[in-house]
Amino acid sequence: MRELVLPRVYPITDRRLAGLSHAEQVAQLVAGGAKMIQLREKHLEAGPFYEQALAAVGVARAHGALVIINDRVDVALAVQADGVHLGQTDLPPEAARRLLGRRAIIGFSTHNVEQAMAAARLPIDYLAIGPIFATASKEKPDPVVGLEGLRRVRASLEARDLPLVAIGGITHANARSVIEAGADAVAVISAVVAPDGSIERRFRDLQQALA
C-alpha cells in the first residue's frame, strides 16, 4: 500500500446534480486545483459508466490528478484508475486489494466508531466516516455522526496512523469545524458540484477557506 497524503478537499462527482459528464466535472475540478477526485455513479450500467470513467481518467491524468472510482472495482480496474472507494456492502477491501494490487488507493466508508475500529485492521489507505451532518446526496443515509462522533473516531484510530475523511452535509460554512474535530480531509458533493458552471470557483473557494 502507498503512503497517502490526502488533499484537504476531496471532491466527488455527481452526474445528475451537475448535469455534466464525469469528464466535464473533472475538467472543472482540476482547473480549480483538485488533486484527487472520486467518480460516483449510482445510475449508469457498467458499460456507459466505463466510457465516462475512461474519459474522466484521461482528463485527470493530463493534469496530474488522481481518480478514485466509487463502489465499482471492475470499472476501476478496467480504466486503470488510481483506486476505489468501497462501502460496507461492496466487495471486501481484502478482495479489492488482491484485484487492484498494492499500489492502488482503497478507501472504505464507515458510519460509527465500531465500524471504524474494525476497518482500521483492513488493507485500506484511508477511512471515511459519515454522515457528519444531515445530507441529501445519499438515498437512505445512515444516522448522523456529528462532530463529537468524528472526534471519537479520530481518537479510536490513534493506534494506526490512518488518514480520515469526513463526509456528509459538509459545506463552506462548517468545513473548518470538521477539520478541527479531527478529519484530515472533507469529501464534498453538493458543496462544489452545481449545474451553473461554478464548480471550479466553488472548489477553489472551499480549498482556500481550509488552507
C-alpha atoms as a PDB file:
ATOM      1  CA  MET A   1       0.000   0.000   0.000  1.00  0.00           C
ATOM      2  CA  ARG A   2       1.189   3.512  -0.743  1.00  0.00           C
ATOM      3  CA  GLU A   3       1.686   6.179   1.894  1.00  0.00           C
ATOM      4  CA  LEU A   4      -1.202   8.508   1.164  1.00  0.00           C
ATOM      5  CA  VAL A   5      -1.300  12.206   1.939  1.00  0.00           C
ATOM      6  CA  LEU A   6      -4.872  13.335   1.439  1.00  0.00           C
ATOM      7  CA  PRO A   7      -5.736  16.705  -0.069  1.00  0.00           C
ATOM      8  CA  ARG A   8      -7.744  18.826   2.349  1.00  0.00           C
ATOM      9  CA  VAL A   9     -10.740  18.871  -0.031  1.00  0.00           C
ATOM     10  CA  TYR A  10     -11.772  15.615  -1.724  1.00  0.00           C
ATOM     11  CA  PRO A  11     -14.488  16.305  -4.332  1.00  0.00           C
ATOM     12  CA  ILE A  12     -16.966  13.696  -5.550  1.00  0.00           C
ATOM     13  CA  THR A  13     -18.694  13.949  -8.912  1.00  0.00           C
ATOM     14  CA  ASP A  14     -22.444  13.662  -9.364  1.00  0.00           C
ATOM     15  CA  ARG A  15     -23.704  13.488 -12.945  1.00  0.00           C
ATOM     16  CA  ARG A  16     -27.348  14.167 -12.140  1.00  0.00           C
ATOM     17  CA  LEU A  17     -26.654  17.061  -9.797  1.00  0.00           C
ATOM     18  CA  ALA A  18     -24.182  18.740 -12.139  1.00  0.00           C
ATOM     19  CA  GLY A  19     -25.945  17.993 -15.407  1.00  0.00           C
ATOM     20  CA  LEU A  20     -22.474  17.250 -16.785  1.00  0.00           C
ATOM     21  CA  SER A  21     -20.496  14.148 -17.663  1.00  0.00           C
ATOM     22  CA  HIS A  22     -17.913  12.936 -15.175  1.00  0.00           C
ATOM     23  CA  ALA A  23     -15.142  14.123 -17.506  1.00  0.00           C
ATOM     24  CA  GLU A  24     -16.660  17.603 -17.704  1.00  0.00           C
ATOM     25  CA  GLN A  25     -16.873  17.795 -13.921  1.00  0.00           C
ATOM     26  CA  VAL A  26     -13.287  16.578 -13.568  1.00  0.00           C
ATOM     27  CA  ALA A  27     -12.132  19.238 -16.026  1.00  0.00           C
ATOM     28  CA  GLN A  28     -13.667  21.972 -13.873  1.00  0.00           C
ATOM     29  CA  LEU A  29     -12.357  20.462 -10.664  1.00  0.00           C
ATOM     30  CA  VAL A  30      -8.752  20.162 -11.855  1.00  0.00           C
ATOM     31  CA  ALA A  31      -8.988  23.718 -13.173  1.00  0.00           C
ATOM     32  CA  GLY A  32      -9.790  24.699  -9.584  1.00  0.00           C
ATOM     33  CA  GLY A  33      -6.807  22.783  -8.261  1.00  0.00           C
ATOM     34  CA  ALA A  34      -8.266  19.384  -7.317  1.00  0.00           C
ATOM     35  CA  LYS A  35      -5.627  16.669  -6.874  1.00  0.00           C
ATOM     36  CA  MET A  36      -7.821  13.672  -6.015  1.00  0.00           C
ATOM     37  CA  ILE A  37     -11.356  13.149  -7.309  1.00  0.00           C
ATOM     38  CA  GLN A  38     -13.900  10.405  -6.718  1.00  0.00           C
ATOM     39  CA  LEU A  39     -16.269   9.412  -9.503  1.00  0.00           C
ATOM     40  CA  ARG A  40     -19.631   8.456  -8.019  1.00  0.00           C
ATOM     41  CA  GLU A  41     -22.221   6.875 -10.295  1.00  0.00           C
ATOM     42  CA  LYS A  42     -25.339   5.178  -8.951  1.00  0.00           C
ATOM     43  CA  HIS A  43     -27.489   5.108 -12.085  1.00  0.00           C
ATOM     44  CA  LEU A  44     -25.461   4.043 -15.143  1.00  0.00           C
ATOM     45  CA  GLU A  45     -24.827   0.450 -16.124  1.00  0.00           C
ATOM     46  CA  ALA A  46     -21.230  -0.766 -16.216  1.00  0.00           C
ATOM     47  CA  GLY A  47     -20.670  -0.158 -19.936  1.00  0.00           C
ATOM     48  CA  PRO A  48     -21.745   3.501 -20.077  1.00  0.00           C
ATOM     49  CA  PHE A  49     -20.008   4.229 -16.769  1.00  0.00           C
ATOM     50  CA  TYR A  50     -16.829   2.640 -18.116  1.00  0.00           C
ATOM     51  CA  GLU A  51     -16.874   5.045 -21.081  1.00  0.00           C
ATOM     52  CA  GLN A  52     -17.453   8.061 -18.835  1.00  0.00           C
ATOM     53  CA  ALA A  53     -14.810   6.964 -16.338  1.00  0.00           C
ATOM     54  CA  LEU A  54     -12.256   6.335 -19.069  1.00  0.00           C
ATOM     55  CA  ALA A  55     -12.737   9.880 -20.373  1.00  0.00           C
ATOM     56  CA  ALA A  56     -12.569  11.327 -16.851  1.00  0.00           C
ATOM     57  CA  VAL A  57      -9.336   9.485 -16.057  1.00  0.00           C
ATOM     58  CA  GLY A  58      -7.830  10.878 -19.265  1.00  0.00           C
ATOM     59  CA  VAL A  59      -8.669  14.431 -18.210  1.00  0.00           C
ATOM     60  CA  ALA A  60      -7.352  13.934 -14.685  1.00  0.00           C
ATOM     61  CA  ARG A  61      -4.094  12.302 -15.790  1.00  0.00           C
ATOM     62  CA  ALA A  62      -3.371  15.209 -18.107  1.00  0.00           C
ATOM     63  CA  HIS A  63      -3.377  17.459 -15.025  1.00  0.00           C
ATOM     64  CA  GLY A  64      -1.649  15.124 -12.582  1.00  0.00           C
ATOM     65  CA  ALA A  65      -4.783  14.385 -10.557  1.00  0.00           C
ATOM     66  CA  LEU A  66      -5.791  11.043  -9.037  1.00  0.00           C
ATOM     67  CA  VAL A  67      -9.122   9.369  -9.782  1.00  0.00           C
ATOM     68  CA  ILE A  68     -10.908   7.066  -7.342  1.00  0.00           C
ATOM     69  CA  ILE A  69     -13.940   5.058  -8.500  1.00  0.00           C
ATOM     70  CA  ASN A  70     -16.862   4.728  -6.082  1.00  0.00           C
ATOM     71  CA  ASP A  71     -18.014   1.127  -5.469  1.00  0.00           C
ATOM     72  CA  ARG A  72     -17.045  -0.384  -8.834  1.00  0.00           C
ATOM     73  CA  VAL A  73     -13.815  -2.345  -8.576  1.00  0.00           C
ATOM     74  CA  ASP A  74     -14.382  -3.723 -12.084  1.00  0.00           C
ATOM     75  CA  VAL A  75     -14.584  -0.252 -13.596  1.00  0.00           C
ATOM     76  CA  ALA A  76     -11.584   0.961 -11.584  1.00  0.00           C
ATOM     77  CA  LEU A  77      -9.553  -1.955 -12.913  1.00  0.00           C
ATOM     78  CA  ALA A  78     -10.766  -1.533 -16.491  1.00  0.00           C
ATOM     79  CA  VAL A  79      -9.964   2.195 -16.750  1.00  0.00           C
ATOM     80  CA  GLN A  80      -6.744   1.902 -14.707  1.00  0.00           C
ATOM     81  CA  ALA A  81      -7.982   4.356 -12.118  1.00  0.00           C
ATOM     82  CA  ASP A  82      -5.812   5.152  -9.116  1.00  0.00           C
ATOM     83  CA  GLY A  83      -8.090   3.340  -6.732  1.00  0.00           C
ATOM     84  CA  VAL A  84     -11.562   2.586  -5.458  1.00  0.00           C
ATOM     85  CA  HIS A  85     -13.812   3.715  -2.618  1.00  0.00           C
ATOM     86  CA  LEU A  86     -15.838   0.927  -1.038  1.00  0.00           C
ATOM     87  CA  GLY A  87     -18.934   0.891   1.140  1.00  0.00           C
ATOM     88  CA  GLN A  88     -19.997  -1.534   3.833  1.00  0.00           C
ATOM     89  CA  THR A  89     -21.854  -3.769   1.361  1.00  0.00           C
ATOM     90  CA  ASP A  90     -19.402  -3.584  -1.552  1.00  0.00           C
ATOM     91  CA  LEU A  91     -16.624  -6.012  -2.415  1.00  0.00           C
ATOM     92  CA  PRO A  92     -14.471  -6.504   0.718  1.00  0.00           C
ATOM     93  CA  PRO A  93     -11.276  -4.426   0.790  1.00  0.00           C
ATOM     94  CA  GLU A  94      -9.179  -7.608   1.011  1.00  0.00           C
ATOM     95  CA  ALA A  95     -10.609  -8.834  -2.307  1.00  0.00           C
ATOM     96  CA  ALA A  96     -10.266  -5.411  -3.907  1.00  0.00           C
ATOM     97  CA  ARG A  97      -6.624  -5.306  -2.827  1.00  0.00           C
ATOM     98  CA  ARG A  98      -5.958  -8.666  -4.468  1.00  0.00           C
ATOM     99  CA  LEU A  99      -7.509  -7.458  -7.714  1.00  0.00           C
ATOM    100  CA  LEU A 100      -6.082  -3.931  -7.833  1.00  0.00           C
ATOM    101  CA  GLY A 101      -2.641  -4.516  -6.347  1.00  0.00           C
ATOM    102  CA  ARG A 102      -0.508  -2.940  -3.652  1.00  0.00           C
ATOM    103  CA  ARG A 103      -0.249   0.482  -5.289  1.00  0.00           C
ATOM    104  CA  ALA A 104      -3.996   1.084  -5.617  1.00  0.00           C
ATOM    105  CA  ILE A 105      -5.655   3.520  -3.240  1.00  0.00           C
ATOM    106  CA  ILE A 106      -8.504   1.864  -1.352  1.00  0.00           C
ATOM    107  CA  GLY A 107     -10.881   3.915   0.770  1.00  0.00           C
ATOM    108  CA  PHE A 108     -13.601   2.475   2.964  1.00  0.00           C
ATOM    109  CA  SER A 109     -16.797   4.009   4.346  1.00  0.00           C
ATOM    110  CA  THR A 110     -17.782   3.657   7.998  1.00  0.00           C
ATOM    111  CA  HIS A 111     -20.670   5.120   9.959  1.00  0.00           C
ATOM    112  CA  ASN A 112     -19.769   4.709  13.633  1.00  0.00           C
ATOM    113  CA  VAL A 113     -16.854   4.084  15.971  1.00  0.00           C
ATOM    114  CA  GLU A 114     -17.282   0.311  15.946  1.00  0.00           C
ATOM    115  CA  GLN A 115     -17.114   0.118  12.170  1.00  0.00           C
ATOM    116  CA  ALA A 116     -14.130   2.481  12.114  1.00  0.00           C
ATOM    117  CA  MET A 117     -12.199   0.365  14.610  1.00  0.00           C
ATOM    118  CA  ALA A 118     -12.888  -2.785  12.594  1.00  0.00           C
ATOM    119  CA  ALA A 119     -11.917  -1.052   9.345  1.00  0.00           C
ATOM    120  CA  ALA A 120      -8.586   0.074  10.775  1.00  0.00           C
ATOM    121  CA  ARG A 121      -7.444  -3.550  10.558  1.00  0.00           C
ATOM    122  CA  LEU A 122      -8.260  -3.818   6.844  1.00  0.00           C
ATOM    123  CA  PRO A 123      -5.823  -3.280   3.935  1.00  0.00           C
ATOM    124  CA  ILE A 124      -7.079   0.238   3.205  1.00  0.00           C
ATOM    125  CA  ASP A 125      -5.339   3.562   2.600  1.00  0.00           C
ATOM    126  CA  TYR A 126      -7.931   5.872   4.125  1.00  0.00           C
ATOM    127  CA  LEU A 127     -11.084   5.582   6.160  1.00  0.00           C
ATOM    128  CA  ALA A 128     -14.226   7.656   5.624  1.00  0.00           C
ATOM    129  CA  ILE A 129     -16.713   8.473   8.366  1.00  0.00           C
ATOM    130  CA  GLY A 130     -20.149   9.974   7.939  1.00  0.00           C
ATOM    131  CA  PRO A 131     -22.583  11.409   7.516  1.00  0.00           C
ATOM    132  CA  ILE A 132     -21.182  14.133   9.765  1.00  0.00           C
ATOM    133  CA  PHE A 133     -24.257  16.287   9.172  1.00  0.00           C
ATOM    134  CA  ALA A 134     -27.612  15.629   7.513  1.00  0.00           C
ATOM    135  CA  THR A 135     -27.218  15.159   3.763  1.00  0.00           C
ATOM    136  CA  ALA A 136     -29.465  14.972   0.723  1.00  0.00           C
ATOM    137  CA  SER A 137     -26.777  13.474  -1.542  1.00  0.00           C
ATOM    138  CA  LYS A 138     -27.430   9.883  -0.480  1.00  0.00           C
ATOM    139  CA  GLU A 139     -30.629   7.868  -0.532  1.00  0.00           C
ATOM    140  CA  LYS A 140     -31.412   6.301   2.859  1.00  0.00           C
ATOM    141  CA  PRO A 141     -28.432   7.858   4.673  1.00  0.00           C
ATOM    142  CA  ASP A 142     -27.040   6.354   7.868  1.00  0.00           C
ATOM    143  CA  PRO A 143     -27.618   8.153  11.195  1.00  0.00           C
ATOM    144  CA  VAL A 144     -25.759  11.435  11.583  1.00  0.00           C
ATOM    145  CA  VAL A 145     -22.383  11.027  13.293  1.00  0.00           C
ATOM    146  CA  GLY A 146     -21.875  14.656  14.298  1.00  0.00           C
ATOM    147  CA  LEU A 147     -18.661  16.390  15.274  1.00  0.00           C
ATOM    148  CA  GLU A 148     -18.483  14.546  18.594  1.00  0.00           C
ATOM    149  CA  GLY A 149     -18.762  11.219  16.798  1.00  0.00           C
ATOM    150  CA  LEU A 150     -15.994  12.328  14.464  1.00  0.00           C
ATOM    151  CA  ARG A 151     -13.786  13.133  17.463  1.00  0.00           C
ATOM    152  CA  ARG A 152     -14.419   9.667  18.895  1.00  0.00           C
ATOM    153  CA  VAL A 153     -13.476   8.032  15.615  1.00  0.00           C
ATOM    154  CA  ARG A 154     -10.304  10.088  15.418  1.00  0.00           C
ATOM    155  CA  ALA A 155      -9.363   9.001  18.951  1.00  0.00           C
ATOM    156  CA  SER A 156     -10.068   5.349  18.116  1.00  0.00           C
ATOM    157  CA  LEU A 157      -7.557   5.474  15.260  1.00  0.00           C
ATOM    158  CA  GLU A 158      -4.621   6.659  17.346  1.00  0.00           C
ATOM    159  CA  ALA A 159      -3.038   3.196  17.245  1.00  0.00           C
ATOM    160  CA  ARG A 160      -2.857   3.385  13.451  1.00  0.00           C
ATOM    161  CA  ASP A 161      -1.926   6.482  11.501  1.00  0.00           C
ATOM    162  CA  LEU A 162      -4.795   6.091   9.048  1.00  0.00           C
ATOM    163  CA  PRO A 163      -5.968   9.156   7.088  1.00  0.00           C
ATOM    164  CA  LEU A 164      -9.541  10.105   7.978  1.00  0.00           C
ATOM    165  CA  VAL A 165     -12.037  11.567   5.515  1.00  0.00           C
ATOM    166  CA  ALA A 166     -15.249  13.154   6.773  1.00  0.00           C
ATOM    167  CA  ILE A 167     -18.305  13.170   4.531  1.00  0.00           C
ATOM    168  CA  GLY A 168     -21.950  14.150   4.673  1.00  0.00           C
ATOM    169  CA  GLY A 169     -23.554  17.582   4.722  1.00  0.00           C
ATOM    170  CA  ILE A 170     -20.227  19.421   4.701  1.00  0.00           C
ATOM    171  CA  THR A 171     -20.415  22.999   3.408  1.00  0.00           C
ATOM    172  CA  HIS A 172     -18.248  26.091   3.183  1.00  0.00           C
ATOM    173  CA  ALA A 173     -19.794  27.195   6.483  1.00  0.00           C
ATOM    174  CA  ASN A 174     -18.989  24.097   8.547  1.00  0.00           C
ATOM    175  CA  ALA A 175     -15.932  22.572   6.839  1.00  0.00           C
ATOM    176  CA  ARG A 176     -13.443  24.264   9.166  1.00  0.00           C
ATOM    177  CA  SER A 177     -15.158  22.772  12.218  1.00  0.00           C
ATOM    178  CA  VAL A 178     -14.903  19.316  10.655  1.00  0.00           C
ATOM    179  CA  ILE A 179     -11.154  19.639  10.154  1.00  0.00           C
ATOM    180  CA  GLU A 180     -10.765  20.951  13.702  1.00  0.00           C
ATOM    181  CA  ALA A 181     -12.687  17.910  15.004  1.00  0.00           C
ATOM    182  CA  GLY A 182     -10.048  15.582  13.574  1.00  0.00           C
ATOM    183  CA  ALA A 183     -10.665  14.956   9.883  1.00  0.00           C
ATOM    184  CA  ASP A 184      -7.684  15.052   7.541  1.00  0.00           C
ATOM    185  CA  ALA A 185      -9.933  15.821   4.585  1.00  0.00           C
ATOM    186  CA  VAL A 186     -13.520  16.695   3.775  1.00  0.00           C
ATOM    187  CA  ALA A 187     -15.296  14.848   0.982  1.00  0.00           C
ATOM    188  CA  VAL A 188     -17.905  17.018  -0.683  1.00  0.00           C
ATOM    189  CA  ILE A 189     -20.507  16.746  -3.403  1.00  0.00           C
ATOM    190  CA  SER A 190     -23.146  19.477  -3.325  1.00  0.00           C
ATOM    191  CA  ALA A 191     -20.746  21.988  -1.759  1.00  0.00           C
ATOM    192  CA  VAL A 192     -18.856  22.118  -5.049  1.00  0.00           C
ATOM    193  CA  VAL A 193     -20.944  20.326  -7.695  1.00  0.00           C
ATOM    194  CA  ALA A 194     -23.585  22.565  -9.252  1.00  0.00           C
ATOM    195  CA  PRO A 195     -25.339  22.864 -12.628  1.00  0.00           C
ATOM    196  CA  ASP A 196     -24.471  26.539 -13.113  1.00  0.00           C
ATOM    197  CA  GLY A 197     -20.861  26.250 -14.270  1.00  0.00           C
ATOM    198  CA  SER A 198     -19.476  27.258 -10.884  1.00  0.00           C
ATOM    199  CA  ILE A 199     -17.685  24.010  -9.968  1.00  0.00           C
ATOM    200  CA  GLU A 200     -14.190  25.415 -10.451  1.00  0.00           C
ATOM    201  CA  ARG A 201     -14.942  28.511  -8.354  1.00  0.00           C
ATOM    202  CA  ARG A 202     -16.750  26.577  -5.638  1.00  0.00           C
ATOM    203  CA  PHE A 203     -13.895  24.114  -5.274  1.00  0.00           C
ATOM    204  CA  ARG A 204     -11.247  26.843  -5.226  1.00  0.00           C
ATOM    205  CA  ASP A 205     -13.175  28.844  -2.614  1.00  0.00           C
ATOM    206  CA  LEU A 206     -13.534  25.831  -0.314  1.00  0.00           C
ATOM    207  CA  GLN A 207      -9.906  24.870  -0.690  1.00  0.00           C
ATOM    208  CA  GLN A 208      -8.773  28.395   0.106  1.00  0.00           C
ATOM    209  CA  ALA A 209     -11.073  28.539   3.139  1.00  0.00           C
ATOM    210  CA  LEU A 210      -9.294  25.488   4.578  1.00  0.00           C
ATOM    211  CA  ALA A 211      -5.750  26.462   3.615  1.00  0.00           C
END
